[in-house]
C-alpha atoms as a PDB file:
ATOM      1  CA  MET A   1      -0.026  -0.024   0.001  1.00  0.00           C
ATOM      2  CA  THR A   2       1.402   3.660  -0.946  1.00  0.00           C
ATOM      3  CA  THR A   3       1.866   6.173   1.719  1.00  0.00           C
ATOM      4  CA  PHE A   4      -0.950   8.057   0.021  1.00  0.00           C
ATOM      5  CA  ALA A   5      -3.352   5.094   0.309  1.00  0.00           C
ATOM      6  CA  LYS A   6      -2.475   4.837   3.929  1.00  0.00           C
ATOM      7  CA  ALA A   7      -3.129   8.430   4.559  1.00  0.00           C
ATOM      8  CA  VAL A   8      -6.445   8.501   3.070  1.00  0.00           C
ATOM      9  CA  GLY A   9      -7.377   5.295   4.907  1.00  0.00           C
ATOM     10  CA  ALA A  10      -6.471   6.971   8.045  1.00  0.00           C
ATOM     11  CA  SER A  11      -8.682  10.070   7.099  1.00  0.00           C
ATOM     12  CA  LEU A  12     -11.627   7.817   6.412  1.00  0.00           C
ATOM     13  CA  ARG A  13     -11.163   6.185   9.830  1.00  0.00           C
ATOM     14  CA  THR A  14     -10.834   9.460  11.300  1.00  0.00           C
ATOM     15  CA  TYR A  15     -13.690  11.388   9.642  1.00  0.00           C
ATOM     16  CA  TYR A  16     -16.129   8.529   9.490  1.00  0.00           C
ATOM     17  CA  ALA A  17     -15.549   7.336  13.020  1.00  0.00           C
ATOM     18  CA  PRO A  18     -18.488   5.966  14.939  1.00  0.00           C
ATOM     19  CA  GLY A  19     -20.726   8.616  16.493  1.00  0.00           C
ATOM     20  CA  ARG A  20     -19.215  11.401  14.291  1.00  0.00           C
ATOM     21  CA  ALA A  21     -22.287  11.380  11.786  1.00  0.00           C
ATOM     22  CA  ALA A  22     -24.548  12.310  14.558  1.00  0.00           C
ATOM     23  CA  LEU A  23     -22.158  14.973  15.937  1.00  0.00           C
ATOM     24  CA  LEU A  24     -22.147  16.557  12.181  1.00  0.00           C
ATOM     25  CA  ASP A  25     -25.741  16.342  11.598  1.00  0.00           C
ATOM     26  CA  ALA A  26     -26.633  18.057  14.814  1.00  0.00           C
ATOM     27  CA  PHE A  27     -24.297  21.027  14.376  1.00  0.00           C
ATOM     28  CA  TYR A  28     -25.089  21.423  10.210  1.00  0.00           C
ATOM     29  CA  ARG A  29     -28.891  21.540  11.060  1.00  0.00           C
ATOM     30  CA  HIS A  30     -28.163  25.190  11.889  1.00  0.00           C
ATOM     31  CA  PHE A  31     -27.721  25.894   8.316  1.00  0.00           C
ATOM     32  CA  LEU A  32     -29.261  23.144   5.949  1.00  0.00           C
ATOM     33  CA  SER A  33     -32.452  21.202   5.529  1.00  0.00           C
ATOM     34  CA  ALA A  34     -34.153  19.239   3.033  1.00  0.00           C
ATOM     35  CA  GLY A  35     -34.132  20.576  -0.490  1.00  0.00           C
ATOM     36  CA  ASP A  36     -31.358  23.135   0.084  1.00  0.00           C
ATOM     37  CA  LEU A  37     -28.151  23.404  -1.764  1.00  0.00           C
ATOM     38  CA  ALA A  38     -24.651  23.225  -0.210  1.00  0.00           C
ATOM     39  CA  PHE A  39     -21.126  23.771  -1.739  1.00  0.00           C
ATOM     40  CA  ASP A  40     -18.497  21.637  -0.042  1.00  0.00           C
ATOM     41  CA  VAL A  41     -15.119  23.438  -1.156  1.00  0.00           C
ATOM     42  CA  GLY A  42     -12.127  21.261  -0.099  1.00  0.00           C
ATOM     43  CA  THR A  43     -14.361  17.768   0.196  1.00  0.00           C
ATOM     44  CA  HIS A  44     -11.308  15.522   1.126  1.00  0.00           C
ATOM     45  CA  VAL A  45     -12.869  12.228   1.913  1.00  0.00           C
ATOM     46  CA  GLY A  46     -16.305  13.669   1.942  1.00  0.00           C
ATOM     47  CA  ASP A  47     -17.517  13.408   5.485  1.00  0.00           C
ATOM     48  CA  ARG A  48     -19.278  16.964   5.221  1.00  0.00           C
ATOM     49  CA  THR A  49     -20.816  16.082   1.959  1.00  0.00           C
ATOM     50  CA  ALA A  50     -22.377  12.829   3.332  1.00  0.00           C
ATOM     51  CA  CYS A  51     -23.691  14.886   6.411  1.00  0.00           C
ATOM     52  CA  PHE A  52     -25.226  17.414   3.882  1.00  0.00           C
ATOM     53  CA  ARG A  53     -26.995  14.698   2.105  1.00  0.00           C
ATOM     54  CA  ARG A  54     -28.364  13.026   5.183  1.00  0.00           C
ATOM     55  CA  LEU A  55     -30.085  16.440   6.119  1.00  0.00           C
ATOM     56  CA  GLY A  56     -31.587  16.357   2.444  1.00  0.00           C
ATOM     57  CA  ALA A  57     -29.259  19.027   0.819  1.00  0.00           C
ATOM     58  CA  ARG A  58     -28.025  18.576  -2.682  1.00  0.00           C
ATOM     59  CA  VAL A  59     -24.295  19.006  -2.883  1.00  0.00           C
ATOM     60  CA  VAL A  60     -21.776  20.415  -5.233  1.00  0.00           C
ATOM     61  CA  ALA A  61     -18.423  18.700  -4.060  1.00  0.00           C
ATOM     62  CA  VAL A  62     -15.226  20.718  -5.213  1.00  0.00           C
ATOM     63  CA  GLU A  63     -12.027  18.547  -4.842  1.00  0.00           C
ATOM     64  CA  PRO A  64      -8.907  18.978  -6.950  1.00  0.00           C
ATOM     65  CA  GLN A  65      -6.743  15.995  -5.768  1.00  0.00           C
ATOM     66  CA  PRO A  66      -7.415  13.290  -8.437  1.00  0.00           C
ATOM     67  CA  ARG A  67      -6.798  10.192  -6.200  1.00  0.00           C
ATOM     68  CA  LEU A  68      -9.159  11.675  -3.526  1.00  0.00           C
ATOM     69  CA  LEU A  69     -11.725  12.318  -6.475  1.00  0.00           C
ATOM     70  CA  ARG A  70     -11.553   8.594  -7.096  1.00  0.00           C
ATOM     71  CA  ALA A  71     -12.374   7.771  -3.391  1.00  0.00           C
ATOM     72  CA  LEU A  72     -15.290  10.217  -3.664  1.00  0.00           C
ATOM     73  CA  ARG A  73     -16.519   8.577  -6.769  1.00  0.00           C
ATOM     74  CA  LEU A  74     -16.486   5.294  -5.005  1.00  0.00           C
ATOM     75  CA  ILE A  75     -18.409   6.740  -1.931  1.00  0.00           C
ATOM     76  CA  PHE A  76     -21.013   8.714  -3.962  1.00  0.00           C
ATOM     77  CA  HIS A  77     -21.357   7.305  -7.485  1.00  0.00           C
ATOM     78  CA  ARG A  78     -24.875   5.951  -6.781  1.00  0.00           C
ATOM     79  CA  ASP A  79     -26.018   9.280  -5.447  1.00  0.00           C
ATOM     80  CA  PRO A  80     -27.622  11.686  -8.050  1.00  0.00           C
ATOM     81  CA  GLY A  81     -27.666  14.514  -5.330  1.00  0.00           C
ATOM     82  CA  VAL A  82     -23.876  14.849  -5.527  1.00  0.00           C
ATOM     83  CA  ALA A  83     -22.185  16.578  -8.294  1.00  0.00           C
ATOM     84  CA  LEU A  84     -18.265  16.127  -8.107  1.00  0.00           C
ATOM     85  CA  VAL A  85     -16.186  19.378  -9.502  1.00  0.00           C
ATOM     86  CA  PRO A  86     -12.469  18.150 -10.153  1.00  0.00           C
ATOM     87  CA  ALA A  87     -10.925  21.659  -9.869  1.00  0.00           C
ATOM     88  CA  LEU A  88      -9.634  24.405  -7.311  1.00  0.00           C
ATOM     89  CA  LEU A  89     -11.511  27.398  -6.586  1.00  0.00           C
ATOM     90  CA  GLY A  90     -10.134  30.908  -6.806  1.00  0.00           C
ATOM     91  CA  ALA A  91     -10.671  34.554  -7.641  1.00  0.00           C
ATOM     92  CA  ALA A  92     -10.677  33.728 -11.390  1.00  0.00           C
ATOM     93  CA  PRO A  93     -10.924  31.163 -13.762  1.00  0.00           C
ATOM     94  CA  GLY A  94      -7.570  29.750 -14.970  1.00  0.00           C
ATOM     95  CA  GLU A  95      -4.966  27.339 -13.741  1.00  0.00           C
ATOM     96  CA  ALA A  96      -3.035  26.949 -10.561  1.00  0.00           C
ATOM     97  CA  VAL A  97      -0.439  24.587  -9.034  1.00  0.00           C
ATOM     98  CA  LEU A  98      -1.663  22.381  -6.376  1.00  0.00           C
ATOM     99  CA  ARG A  99       1.175  21.488  -3.745  1.00  0.00           C
ATOM    100  CA  LEU A 100       0.566  17.830  -2.444  1.00  0.00           C
ATOM    101  CA  ASN A 101       1.534  16.348   0.796  1.00  0.00           C
ATOM    102  CA  THR A 102       1.508  12.689  -0.009  1.00  0.00           C
ATOM    103  CA  ALA A 103       1.678  11.741   3.512  1.00  0.00           C
ATOM    104  CA  ASN A 104      -1.151  14.029   4.925  1.00  0.00           C
ATOM    105  CA  PRO A 105      -3.445  14.980   1.797  1.00  0.00           C
ATOM    106  CA  THR A 106      -5.691  16.895   4.091  1.00  0.00           C
ATOM    107  CA  VAL A 107      -3.255  19.751   3.832  1.00  0.00           C
ATOM    108  CA  ALA A 108      -2.521  20.068  -0.132  1.00  0.00           C
ATOM    109  CA  THR A 109      -2.710  23.669  -0.901  1.00  0.00           C
ATOM    110  CA  ALA A 110      -2.666  26.074  -3.670  1.00  0.00           C
ATOM    111  CA  SER A 111      -0.851  28.754  -1.475  1.00  0.00           C
ATOM    112  CA  ASP A 112       2.987  28.891  -1.195  1.00  0.00           C
ATOM    113  CA  ALA A 113       2.436  31.332   1.803  1.00  0.00           C
ATOM    114  CA  PHE A 114       0.545  28.547   3.600  1.00  0.00           C
ATOM    115  CA  ILE A 115       3.646  26.351   3.203  1.00  0.00           C
ATOM    116  CA  ALA A 116       5.938  28.988   4.265  1.00  0.00           C
ATOM    117  CA  ALA A 117       4.185  29.796   7.338  1.00  0.00           C
ATOM    118  CA  ALA A 118       3.971  26.009   8.171  1.00  0.00           C
ATOM    119  CA  ASP A 119       7.725  25.574   7.855  1.00  0.00           C
ATOM    120  CA  GLY A 120       9.063  25.472  11.447  1.00  0.00           C
ATOM    121  CA  ALA A 121       5.721  26.283  13.055  1.00  0.00           C
ATOM    122  CA  ALA A 122       5.108  24.187  16.361  1.00  0.00           C
ATOM    123  CA  GLY A 123       2.712  21.614  15.521  1.00  0.00           C
ATOM    124  CA  TRP A 124       3.658  21.354  11.856  1.00  0.00           C
ATOM    125  CA  GLU A 125       6.669  19.416  12.342  1.00  0.00           C
ATOM    126  CA  GLY A 126       7.317  16.803   9.486  1.00  0.00           C
ATOM    127  CA  GLN A 127       5.008  17.948   6.947  1.00  0.00           C
ATOM    128  CA  ARG A 128       6.449  17.920   3.420  1.00  0.00           C
ATOM    129  CA  TRP A 129       4.876  19.021   0.412  1.00  0.00           C
ATOM    130  CA  ASP A 130       6.494  16.541  -1.904  1.00  0.00           C
ATOM    131  CA  ALA A 131       4.650  16.831  -5.104  1.00  0.00           C
ATOM    132  CA  GLU A 132       2.700  19.114  -7.324  1.00  0.00           C
ATOM    133  CA  ILE A 133       0.236  19.037 -10.021  1.00  0.00           C
ATOM    134  CA  VAL A 134      -1.530  21.841 -12.346  1.00  0.00           C
ATOM    135  CA  ARG A 135      -5.268  21.957 -11.745  1.00  0.00           C
ATOM    136  CA  PRO A 136      -8.097  24.011 -13.350  1.00  0.00           C
ATOM    137  CA  VAL A 137      -9.638  27.081 -11.383  1.00  0.00           C
ATOM    138  CA  THR A 138     -12.968  28.115 -11.435  1.00  0.00           C
ATOM    139  CA  THR A 139     -14.854  30.265  -9.057  1.00  0.00           C
ATOM    140  CA  LEU A 140     -17.832  30.200  -6.653  1.00  0.00           C
ATOM    141  CA  ASP A 141     -19.917  32.524  -8.808  1.00  0.00           C
ATOM    142  CA  ALA A 142     -19.271  30.240 -11.731  1.00  0.00           C
ATOM    143  CA  LEU A 143     -20.431  27.313  -9.896  1.00  0.00           C
ATOM    144  CA  ALA A 144     -23.633  29.283  -8.782  1.00  0.00           C
ATOM    145  CA  ASP A 145     -24.237  29.893 -12.583  1.00  0.00           C
ATOM    146  CA  ARG A 146     -24.049  26.120 -13.114  1.00  0.00           C
ATOM    147  CA  TYR A 147     -25.708  24.837 -10.233  1.00  0.00           C
ATOM    148  CA  GLY A 148     -27.769  27.640  -8.480  1.00  0.00           C
ATOM    149  CA  VAL A 149     -26.974  29.929  -5.690  1.00  0.00           C
ATOM    150  CA  PRO A 150     -26.023  27.817  -2.519  1.00  0.00           C
ATOM    151  CA  ASP A 151     -27.716  27.933   0.668  1.00  0.00           C
ATOM    152  CA  PHE A 152     -24.497  27.134   2.579  1.00  0.00           C
ATOM    153  CA  VAL A 153     -20.840  27.098   1.448  1.00  0.00           C
ATOM    154  CA  LYS A 154     -18.093  25.180   3.353  1.00  0.00           C
ATOM    155  CA  ILE A 155     -14.615  26.440   2.372  1.00  0.00           C
ATOM    156  CA  ASP A 156     -11.522  24.316   3.820  1.00  0.00           C
ATOM    157  CA  VAL A 157      -8.510  25.025   1.306  1.00  0.00           C
ATOM    158  CA  GLU A 158      -5.494  25.348   3.535  1.00  0.00           C
ATOM    159  CA  GLY A 159      -4.650  29.212   3.206  1.00  0.00           C
ATOM    160  CA  PHE A 160      -6.495  29.707  -0.123  1.00  0.00           C
ATOM    161  CA  GLU A 161      -9.852  30.789   1.625  1.00  0.00           C
ATOM    162  CA  ALA A 162      -9.474  34.321   0.877  1.00  0.00           C
ATOM    163  CA  GLU A 163      -8.740  33.781  -2.879  1.00  0.00           C
ATOM    164  CA  VAL A 164     -11.943  31.463  -2.876  1.00  0.00           C
ATOM    165  CA  LEU A 165     -14.101  34.460  -1.445  1.00  0.00           C
ATOM    166  CA  ARG A 166     -12.757  36.774  -3.858  1.00  0.00           C
ATOM    167  CA  GLY A 167     -14.593  34.888  -6.576  1.00  0.00           C
ATOM    168  CA  LEU A 168     -17.990  35.070  -4.852  1.00  0.00           C
ATOM    169  CA  SER A 169     -20.378  38.081  -5.424  1.00  0.00           C
ATOM    170  CA  ARG A 170     -23.554  36.576  -4.639  1.00  0.00           C
ATOM    171  CA  PRO A 171     -23.413  35.511  -1.042  1.00  0.00           C
ATOM    172  CA  PRO A 172     -25.489  32.315   0.182  1.00  0.00           C
ATOM    173  CA  ARG A 173     -27.336  32.690   3.575  1.00  0.00           C
ATOM    174  CA  ALA A 174     -24.217  31.291   5.440  1.00  0.00           C
ATOM    175  CA  LEU A 175     -21.000  29.886   4.946  1.00  0.00           C
ATOM    176  CA  SER A 176     -17.874  28.986   6.869  1.00  0.00           C
ATOM    177  CA  PHE A 177     -13.902  29.018   6.132  1.00  0.00           C
ATOM    178  CA  GLU A 178     -11.037  27.462   7.857  1.00  0.00           C
ATOM    179  CA  PHE A 179      -8.603  29.321   9.610  1.00  0.00           C
ATOM    180  CA  THR A 180      -5.153  28.465  11.262  1.00  0.00           C
ATOM    181  CA  THR A 181      -3.016  30.156  13.959  1.00  0.00           C
ATOM    182  CA  ILE A 182       0.049  30.212  11.619  1.00  0.00           C
ATOM    183  CA  GLN A 183      -1.962  32.418   8.873  1.00  0.00           C
ATOM    184  CA  ARG A 184      -4.168  34.823  11.239  1.00  0.00           C
ATOM    185  CA  ASN A 185      -3.845  37.332   8.329  1.00  0.00           C
ATOM    186  CA  ILE A 186      -5.883  35.107   6.020  1.00  0.00           C
ATOM    187  CA  ALA A 187      -8.653  34.907   8.350  1.00  0.00           C
ATOM    188  CA  LEU A 188      -8.597  38.771   8.700  1.00  0.00           C
ATOM    189  CA  ALA A 189      -8.549  38.824   4.903  1.00  0.00           C
ATOM    190  CA  CYS A 190     -11.529  36.545   4.832  1.00  0.00           C
ATOM    191  CA  LEU A 191     -13.444  38.374   7.600  1.00  0.00           C
ATOM    192  CA  GLU A 192     -12.887  41.647   5.519  1.00  0.00           C
ATOM    193  CA  ARG A 193     -14.243  40.081   2.341  1.00  0.00           C
ATOM    194  CA  LEU A 194     -17.442  38.672   4.188  1.00  0.00           C
ATOM    195  CA  ALA A 195     -18.096  42.065   5.764  1.00  0.00           C
ATOM    196  CA  ALA A 196     -17.996  43.734   2.187  1.00  0.00           C
ATOM    197  CA  LEU A 197     -20.584  41.123   0.873  1.00  0.00           C
ATOM    198  CA  GLY A 198     -22.734  42.118   3.828  1.00  0.00           C
ATOM    199  CA  TYR A 199     -22.380  39.706   6.527  1.00  0.00           C
ATOM    200  CA  ARG A 200     -22.611  40.976  10.005  1.00  0.00           C
ATOM    201  CA  HIS A 201     -22.859  37.936  12.466  1.00  0.00           C
ATOM    202  CA  PHE A 202     -20.013  35.374  12.971  1.00  0.00           C
ATOM    203  CA  ASN A 203     -19.075  32.523  15.299  1.00  0.00           C
ATOM    204  CA  ALA A 204     -16.594  29.952  15.290  1.00  0.00           C
ATOM    205  CA  CYS A 205     -15.695  26.357  16.252  1.00  0.00           C
ATOM    206  CA  LEU A 206     -12.073  25.140  17.148  1.00  0.00           C
ATOM    207  CA  GLY A 207     -10.841  22.053  15.722  1.00  0.00           C
ATOM    208  CA  GLU A 208     -13.361  19.631  14.767  1.00  0.00           C
ATOM    209  CA  SER A 209     -15.454  20.210  18.012  1.00  0.00           C
ATOM    210  CA  MET A 210     -18.674  21.045  16.242  1.00  0.00           C
ATOM    211  CA  ALA A 211     -19.514  23.362  19.017  1.00  0.00           C
ATOM    212  CA  PHE A 212     -19.815  27.035  18.752  1.00  0.00           C
ATOM    213  CA  ALA A 213     -17.140  28.910  20.753  1.00  0.00           C
ATOM    214  CA  HIS A 214     -19.416  31.805  21.543  1.00  0.00           C
ATOM    215  CA  PRO A 215     -22.826  31.792  23.230  1.00  0.00           C
ATOM    216  CA  VAL A 216     -23.880  34.598  20.975  1.00  0.00           C
ATOM    217  CA  PRO A 217     -22.676  35.700  17.575  1.00  0.00           C
ATOM    218  CA  GLN A 218     -19.907  38.064  17.517  1.00  0.00           C
ATOM    219  CA  GLY A 219     -19.348  41.121  15.230  1.00  0.00           C
ATOM    220  CA  LEU A 220     -16.266  41.460  12.957  1.00  0.00           C
ATOM    221  CA  ASP A 221     -14.051  43.427  15.174  1.00  0.00           C
ATOM    222  CA  ALA A 222     -14.906  40.850  18.209  1.00  0.00           C
ATOM    223  CA  MET A 223     -14.234  37.728  15.860  1.00  0.00           C
ATOM    224  CA  ALA A 224     -11.064  39.174  14.393  1.00  0.00           C
ATOM    225  CA  ARG A 225      -9.979  40.056  18.075  1.00  0.00           C
ATOM    226  CA  TRP A 226     -10.754  36.411  19.117  1.00  0.00           C
ATOM    227  CA  ILE A 227      -8.676  34.956  16.527  1.00  0.00           C
ATOM    228  CA  ALA A 228      -5.637  37.204  16.994  1.00  0.00           C
ATOM    229  CA  GLU A 229      -5.708  36.340  20.574  1.00  0.00           C
ATOM    230  CA  LEU A 230      -6.154  32.593  20.215  1.00  0.00           C
ATOM    231  CA  PRO A 231      -3.007  30.661  21.587  1.00  0.00           C
ATOM    232  CA  HIS A 232      -0.854  28.999  18.796  1.00  0.00           C
ATOM    233  CA  ALA A 233      -1.855  25.609  20.106  1.00  0.00           C
ATOM    234  CA  ALA A 234      -5.202  26.278  19.073  1.00  0.00           C
ATOM    235  CA  ASN A 235      -3.974  25.374  15.522  1.00  0.00           C
ATOM    236  CA  SER A 236      -7.166  25.776  13.474  1.00  0.00           C
ATOM    237  CA  GLY A 237     -11.012  26.050  13.309  1.00  0.00           C
ATOM    238  CA  ASP A 238     -13.801  27.408  11.228  1.00  0.00           C
ATOM    239  CA  VAL A 239     -15.569  30.737  11.247  1.00  0.00           C
ATOM    240  CA  TYR A 240     -19.259  30.620  10.421  1.00  0.00           C
ATOM    241  CA  ALA A 241     -20.960  33.678   8.858  1.00  0.00           C
ATOM    242  CA  GLY A 242     -24.478  34.100   8.421  1.00  0.00           C
ATOM    243  CA  ARG A 243     -27.245  36.562   7.781  1.00  0.00           C
ATOM    244  CA  ASN A 244     -29.573  35.343  10.303  1.00  0.00           C
ATOM    245  CA  PRO A 245     -27.947  35.405  13.878  1.00  0.00           C
ATOM    246  CA  ALA A 246     -30.339  32.730  14.960  1.00  0.00           C
ATOM    247  CA  THR A 247     -28.417  30.209  13.050  1.00  0.00           C
ATOM    248  CA  LEU A 248     -25.145  31.045  14.955  1.00  0.00           C
ATOM    249  CA  VAL A 249     -26.194  29.961  18.186  1.00  0.00           C
END
């Protein structure tokens, strides 16, 4: 078995662990219900896509890594409610270089700045981006033209989140983006972009907790300050933005 195959197997065991589906479903009911449309940007092994389908939403699953796409086709090939998009998302259509970490495909990235930030950072020891491929780039707006404006968008693209949001002009009612403590500046850029798109209410989850960190939604400045003050060891999380603050508690 190759290193990559072992890594994918480890991801499948982690993200489809017993009991985790119920945790995901309970959390994402804040944002999705039957008949909705979700975009899963950075699908990886598809645990969020599977959750969104259990909630009755149609899903556009965006994953640029060819070998992960093969796994996703095996998982979802009988499901007409899932459309797989083999591409990166960015600010404009074109092409980009995707840097691969064959021992940890979760952290493939199109951001050289992300790799530079991880170099020597505590908690990122041993990570090595040892291959690269050129992949097509599309945008959230282009996907909305093709599939419809989504109700919820999940973005997890390892330091490329701000570029993805630059390709969005028709904001959904809610979305999330991943942040890391090695690139707090990217989180700030994402928050500023979301504010420009009209979002005023934010909350966050640390790691894979699927629990909001704040008892009530936060404004832009409060969320930016909270991320800035997190200890480095917090490592990563997801910010959630919504037009209706009731979805963020």
